[in-house]
Amino acid sequence: MKDNLVTIPIILGALLSFSKPIGGLVFMIVFWKIAKVVRYEINIRTYMIISGWGIFLIFSANQASVQVLHFGLATVTVLSTAVYLMPLGIYDSASLFQQIIPYVRLYMKMQ
């Protein structure tokens, strides 16, 4: 009985601590799938992959339980890079989509 009282919180704590990196991995996979769909435009594909890495790094480095100074410095370094990568990829891919829209409309009218 006492073993269950100790192991259940340990298992739940591990699952809850791994939920953020797993969520970031899922978002990263979604952005990579979008990059595969838009493979005709290499710049948009690159920016989608950059956004995927940024989201993954944000979700995995944003752990509030880091109390050790050395890990805290590494986390802040990775988090600052990730906070730069995610909006960069999303903004640049959106601006490239905006430039492509007139050509897509023209192509759709021709068919």
N, C-alpha and C. Protein backbone atom coordinates (compact mmCIF):
# COMPACT_ATOMS: atom_id res chain seq x y z
N MET A 1 0.81 -1.20 0.00
CA MET A 1 0.00 0.00 0.00
C MET A 1 0.86 1.26 0.00
N LYS A 2 1.95 1.24 0.80
CA LYS A 2 2.81 2.42 0.87
C LYS A 2 3.58 2.64 -0.43
N ASP A 3 3.86 1.54 -1.15
CA ASP A 3 4.57 1.70 -2.42
C ASP A 3 3.73 2.48 -3.41
N ASN A 4 2.43 2.24 -3.43
CA ASN A 4 1.55 2.96 -4.34
C ASN A 4 1.45 4.44 -3.98
N LEU A 5 1.53 4.74 -2.70
CA LEU A 5 1.45 6.13 -2.28
C LEU A 5 2.69 6.92 -2.68
N VAL A 6 3.79 6.24 -2.91
CA VAL A 6 5.02 6.91 -3.32
C VAL A 6 5.15 6.91 -4.84
N THR A 7 4.83 5.81 -5.49
CA THR A 7 5.06 5.71 -6.93
C THR A 7 4.05 6.50 -7.74
N ILE A 8 2.83 6.60 -7.30
CA ILE A 8 1.82 7.32 -8.07
C ILE A 8 2.17 8.80 -8.22
N PRO A 9 2.55 9.51 -7.16
CA PRO A 9 2.96 10.91 -7.37
C PRO A 9 4.21 11.06 -8.22
N ILE A 10 5.13 10.09 -8.13
CA ILE A 10 6.34 10.15 -8.96
C ILE A 10 5.96 10.01 -10.44
N ILE A 11 5.09 9.07 -10.74
CA ILE A 11 4.68 8.85 -12.13
C ILE A 11 3.89 10.05 -12.65
N LEU A 12 2.98 10.57 -11.84
CA LEU A 12 2.21 11.74 -12.26
C LEU A 12 3.10 12.96 -12.44
N GLY A 13 4.07 13.14 -11.56
CA GLY A 13 5.01 14.25 -11.70
C GLY A 13 5.84 14.15 -12.97
N ALA A 14 6.27 12.93 -13.29
CA ALA A 14 7.04 12.73 -14.52
C ALA A 14 6.19 13.00 -15.75
N LEU A 15 4.95 12.52 -15.74
CA LEU A 15 4.07 12.76 -16.89
C LEU A 15 3.79 14.25 -17.06
N LEU A 16 3.55 14.94 -15.97
CA LEU A 16 3.27 16.37 -16.08
C LEU A 16 4.50 17.17 -16.48
N SER A 17 5.67 16.74 -16.06
CA SER A 17 6.87 17.48 -16.44
C SER A 17 7.26 17.22 -17.90
N PHE A 18 6.89 16.06 -18.44
CA PHE A 18 7.18 15.78 -19.84
C PHE A 18 6.08 16.25 -20.78
N SER A 19 4.99 16.79 -20.27
CA SER A 19 3.89 17.20 -21.15
C SER A 19 4.26 18.42 -21.98
N LYS A 20 5.04 19.34 -21.45
CA LYS A 20 5.44 20.52 -22.24
C LYS A 20 6.36 20.16 -23.40
N PRO A 21 7.44 19.40 -23.18
CA PRO A 21 8.27 19.04 -24.33
C PRO A 21 7.53 18.19 -25.36
N ILE A 22 6.63 17.33 -24.92
CA ILE A 22 5.85 16.53 -25.88
C ILE A 22 4.91 17.42 -26.67
N GLY A 23 4.30 18.41 -26.02
CA GLY A 23 3.45 19.37 -26.74
C GLY A 23 4.25 20.18 -27.75
N GLY A 24 5.46 20.59 -27.37
CA GLY A 24 6.33 21.30 -28.31
C GLY A 24 6.72 20.44 -29.48
N LEU A 25 6.97 19.16 -29.22
CA LEU A 25 7.31 18.23 -30.30
C LEU A 25 6.14 18.06 -31.26
N VAL A 26 4.92 18.02 -30.74
CA VAL A 26 3.74 17.89 -31.59
C VAL A 26 3.60 19.13 -32.48
N PHE A 27 3.77 20.32 -31.91
CA PHE A 27 3.69 21.54 -32.72
C PHE A 27 4.81 21.59 -33.76
N MET A 28 5.99 21.11 -33.39
CA MET A 28 7.10 21.08 -34.34
C MET A 28 6.79 20.16 -35.51
N ILE A 29 6.20 19.02 -35.22
CA ILE A 29 5.83 18.08 -36.29
C ILE A 29 4.78 18.70 -37.20
N VAL A 30 3.83 19.45 -36.62
CA VAL A 30 2.81 20.11 -37.44
C VAL A 30 3.45 21.11 -38.39
N PHE A 31 4.39 21.91 -37.90
CA PHE A 31 5.06 22.88 -38.77
C PHE A 31 5.91 22.18 -39.82
N TRP A 32 6.52 21.06 -39.49
CA TRP A 32 7.28 20.32 -40.49
C TRP A 32 6.37 19.73 -41.56
N LYS A 33 5.16 19.29 -41.17
CA LYS A 33 4.21 18.78 -42.16
C LYS A 33 3.75 19.89 -43.09
N ILE A 34 3.54 21.08 -42.53
CA ILE A 34 3.19 22.23 -43.37
C ILE A 34 4.33 22.53 -44.34
N ALA A 35 5.55 22.42 -43.86
CA ALA A 35 6.70 22.65 -44.73
C ALA A 35 6.78 21.63 -45.86
N LYS A 36 6.38 20.40 -45.60
CA LYS A 36 6.36 19.39 -46.66
C LYS A 36 5.28 19.70 -47.70
N VAL A 37 4.14 20.22 -47.24
CA VAL A 37 3.05 20.53 -48.17
C VAL A 37 3.44 21.69 -49.07
N VAL A 38 4.17 22.67 -48.54
CA VAL A 38 4.53 23.87 -49.30
C VAL A 38 5.95 23.73 -49.84
N ARG A 39 6.31 22.59 -50.33
CA ARG A 39 7.69 22.38 -50.78
C ARG A 39 8.02 23.10 -52.07
N TYR A 40 7.01 23.61 -52.80
CA TYR A 40 7.30 24.33 -54.04
C TYR A 40 7.94 25.68 -53.78
N GLU A 41 7.73 26.24 -52.62
CA GLU A 41 8.34 27.52 -52.25
C GLU A 41 9.36 27.26 -51.15
N ILE A 42 10.64 27.29 -51.52
CA ILE A 42 11.71 26.88 -50.59
C ILE A 42 11.84 27.85 -49.42
N ASN A 43 11.57 29.14 -49.63
CA ASN A 43 11.70 30.10 -48.54
C ASN A 43 10.64 29.88 -47.47
N ILE A 44 9.41 29.65 -47.89
CA ILE A 44 8.34 29.38 -46.92
C ILE A 44 8.62 28.09 -46.17
N ARG A 45 9.13 27.11 -46.88
CA ARG A 45 9.47 25.84 -46.23
C ARG A 45 10.54 26.05 -45.16
N THR A 46 11.55 26.84 -45.48
CA THR A 46 12.61 27.12 -44.51
C THR A 46 12.06 27.85 -43.30
N TYR A 47 11.20 28.83 -43.51
CA TYR A 47 10.65 29.59 -42.39
C TYR A 47 9.72 28.74 -41.53
N MET A 48 9.01 27.81 -42.12
CA MET A 48 8.16 26.92 -41.34
C MET A 48 9.00 25.99 -40.47
N ILE A 49 10.11 25.52 -40.99
CA ILE A 49 11.00 24.67 -40.20
C ILE A 49 11.62 25.48 -39.06
N ILE A 50 11.99 26.73 -39.33
CA ILE A 50 12.52 27.60 -38.27
C ILE A 50 11.47 27.82 -37.19
N SER A 51 10.22 28.04 -37.58
CA SER A 51 9.15 28.22 -36.59
C SER A 51 8.94 26.95 -35.77
N GLY A 52 9.00 25.81 -36.41
CA GLY A 52 8.85 24.55 -35.70
C GLY A 52 9.93 24.36 -34.64
N TRP A 53 11.17 24.65 -35.01
CA TRP A 53 12.25 24.55 -34.02
C TRP A 53 12.07 25.55 -32.90
N GLY A 54 11.63 26.77 -33.23
CA GLY A 54 11.40 27.77 -32.19
C GLY A 54 10.34 27.35 -31.20
N ILE A 55 9.24 26.82 -31.70
CA ILE A 55 8.15 26.38 -30.81
C ILE A 55 8.61 25.20 -29.95
N PHE A 56 9.33 24.27 -30.56
CA PHE A 56 9.84 23.13 -29.78
C PHE A 56 10.78 23.59 -28.67
N LEU A 57 11.67 24.51 -28.98
CA LEU A 57 12.61 24.98 -27.96
C LEU A 57 11.92 25.79 -26.88
N ILE A 58 10.89 26.56 -27.25
CA ILE A 58 10.15 27.32 -26.24
C ILE A 58 9.45 26.37 -25.27
N PHE A 59 8.77 25.38 -25.82
CA PHE A 59 8.03 24.45 -24.96
C PHE A 59 8.96 23.59 -24.11
N SER A 60 10.10 23.20 -24.66
CA SER A 60 10.99 22.32 -23.89
C SER A 60 11.86 23.09 -22.90
N ALA A 61 12.21 24.33 -23.19
CA ALA A 61 13.07 25.09 -22.28
C ALA A 61 12.28 25.86 -21.24
N ASN A 62 10.98 25.96 -21.41
CA ASN A 62 10.16 26.75 -20.50
C ASN A 62 9.68 25.87 -19.34
N GLN A 63 10.61 25.34 -18.59
CA GLN A 63 10.29 24.53 -17.42
C GLN A 63 10.53 25.36 -16.17
N ALA A 64 9.52 25.50 -15.36
CA ALA A 64 9.63 26.34 -14.17
C ALA A 64 10.35 25.66 -13.03
N SER A 65 10.65 24.38 -13.14
CA SER A 65 11.24 23.65 -12.02
C SER A 65 12.77 23.70 -12.01
N VAL A 66 13.38 24.49 -12.89
CA VAL A 66 14.84 24.56 -12.93
C VAL A 66 15.31 25.48 -11.83
N GLN A 67 16.01 24.92 -10.84
CA GLN A 67 16.49 25.69 -9.69
C GLN A 67 18.01 25.80 -9.66
N VAL A 68 18.71 25.00 -10.42
CA VAL A 68 20.17 25.01 -10.41
C VAL A 68 20.65 26.13 -11.33
N LEU A 69 21.65 26.88 -10.89
CA LEU A 69 22.11 28.05 -11.62
C LEU A 69 22.65 27.69 -13.00
N HIS A 70 23.40 26.62 -13.11
CA HIS A 70 24.00 26.26 -14.40
C HIS A 70 22.92 25.90 -15.42
N PHE A 71 21.94 25.15 -15.00
CA PHE A 71 20.86 24.80 -15.92
C PHE A 71 20.00 26.03 -16.22
N GLY A 72 19.89 26.93 -15.27
CA GLY A 72 19.13 28.14 -15.50
C GLY A 72 19.75 29.02 -16.58
N LEU A 73 21.07 29.11 -16.58
CA LEU A 73 21.76 29.91 -17.61
C LEU A 73 21.57 29.28 -19.00
N ALA A 74 21.67 27.97 -19.07
CA ALA A 74 21.46 27.29 -20.35
C ALA A 74 20.02 27.44 -20.82
N THR A 75 19.09 27.37 -19.88
CA THR A 75 17.68 27.52 -20.23
C THR A 75 17.38 28.91 -20.75
N VAL A 76 17.94 29.92 -20.10
CA VAL A 76 17.72 31.30 -20.55
C VAL A 76 18.33 31.51 -21.93
N THR A 77 19.48 30.91 -22.19
CA THR A 77 20.11 31.05 -23.50
C THR A 77 19.26 30.40 -24.59
N VAL A 78 18.81 29.19 -24.34
CA VAL A 78 17.99 28.49 -25.33
C VAL A 78 16.65 29.19 -25.50
N LEU A 79 16.07 29.65 -24.40
CA LEU A 79 14.77 30.31 -24.47
C LEU A 79 14.83 31.62 -25.24
N SER A 80 15.91 32.38 -25.06
CA SER A 80 16.02 33.64 -25.79
C SER A 80 16.19 33.38 -27.28
N THR A 81 16.91 32.34 -27.65
CA THR A 81 17.04 31.98 -29.07
C THR A 81 15.71 31.52 -29.63
N ALA A 82 14.98 30.74 -28.87
CA ALA A 82 13.69 30.21 -29.33
C ALA A 82 12.67 31.32 -29.49
N VAL A 83 12.68 32.28 -28.56
CA VAL A 83 11.73 33.40 -28.65
C VAL A 83 12.02 34.24 -29.87
N TYR A 84 13.25 34.25 -30.34
CA TYR A 84 13.58 34.95 -31.58
C TYR A 84 13.20 34.13 -32.81
N LEU A 85 13.40 32.82 -32.78
CA LEU A 85 13.17 31.98 -33.96
C LEU A 85 11.69 31.85 -34.31
N MET A 86 10.84 31.66 -33.31
CA MET A 86 9.43 31.41 -33.60
C MET A 86 8.75 32.58 -34.31
N PRO A 87 8.79 33.81 -33.79
CA PRO A 87 8.12 34.90 -34.53
C PRO A 87 8.79 35.21 -35.85
N LEU A 88 10.12 35.01 -35.92
CA LEU A 88 10.81 35.25 -37.18
C LEU A 88 10.26 34.34 -38.27
N GLY A 89 10.14 33.07 -37.98
CA GLY A 89 9.64 32.13 -38.98
C GLY A 89 8.19 32.38 -39.35
N ILE A 90 7.35 32.67 -38.36
CA ILE A 90 5.93 32.89 -38.64
C ILE A 90 5.73 34.18 -39.42
N TYR A 91 6.41 35.26 -39.02
CA TYR A 91 6.24 36.54 -39.70
C TYR A 91 6.75 36.48 -41.14
N ASP A 92 7.93 35.91 -41.34
CA ASP A 92 8.49 35.85 -42.69
C ASP A 92 7.68 34.93 -43.60
N SER A 93 7.19 33.82 -43.08
CA SER A 93 6.36 32.95 -43.92
C SER A 93 5.04 33.62 -44.25
N ALA A 94 4.46 34.37 -43.31
CA ALA A 94 3.20 35.07 -43.59
C ALA A 94 3.42 36.17 -44.62
N SER A 95 4.54 36.87 -44.54
CA SER A 95 4.80 37.92 -45.54
C SER A 95 5.05 37.32 -46.92
N LEU A 96 5.70 36.15 -46.98
CA LEU A 96 5.89 35.50 -48.28
C LEU A 96 4.57 34.97 -48.84
N PHE A 97 3.69 34.45 -47.97
CA PHE A 97 2.36 34.03 -48.43
C PHE A 97 1.60 35.22 -49.01
N GLN A 98 1.74 36.37 -48.37
CA GLN A 98 1.04 37.56 -48.85
C GLN A 98 1.54 37.96 -50.23
N GLN A 99 2.80 37.79 -50.51
CA GLN A 99 3.35 38.12 -51.83
C GLN A 99 2.91 37.11 -52.89
N ILE A 100 2.65 35.88 -52.51
CA ILE A 100 2.29 34.84 -53.47
C ILE A 100 0.81 34.85 -53.82
N ILE A 101 -0.04 35.38 -52.95
CA ILE A 101 -1.49 35.32 -53.15
C ILE A 101 -1.95 35.85 -54.51
N PRO A 102 -1.47 37.01 -55.01
CA PRO A 102 -1.93 37.45 -56.33
C PRO A 102 -1.60 36.46 -57.44
N TYR A 103 -0.46 35.80 -57.36
CA TYR A 103 -0.10 34.82 -58.38
C TYR A 103 -0.98 33.59 -58.31
N VAL A 104 -1.35 33.19 -57.12
CA VAL A 104 -2.24 32.04 -56.95
C VAL A 104 -3.62 32.37 -57.51
N ARG A 105 -4.12 33.57 -57.25
CA ARG A 105 -5.43 33.98 -57.80
C ARG A 105 -5.39 34.01 -59.32
N LEU A 106 -4.30 34.53 -59.88
CA LEU A 106 -4.17 34.56 -61.33
C LEU A 106 -4.14 33.16 -61.90
N TYR A 107 -3.44 32.25 -61.24
CA TYR A 107 -3.38 30.86 -61.67
C TYR A 107 -4.74 30.20 -61.60
N MET A 108 -5.49 30.49 -60.54
CA MET A 108 -6.82 29.90 -60.39
C MET A 108 -7.79 30.42 -61.46
N LYS A 109 -7.65 31.67 -61.86
CA LYS A 109 -8.51 32.22 -62.92
C LYS A 109 -8.21 31.59 -64.28
N MET A 110 -6.96 31.23 -64.48
CA MET A 110 -6.58 30.65 -65.76
C MET A 110 -7.12 29.24 -65.94
N GLN A 111 -7.42 28.55 -64.86
CA GLN A 111 -7.90 27.17 -64.98
C GLN A 111 -9.38 27.10 -65.09
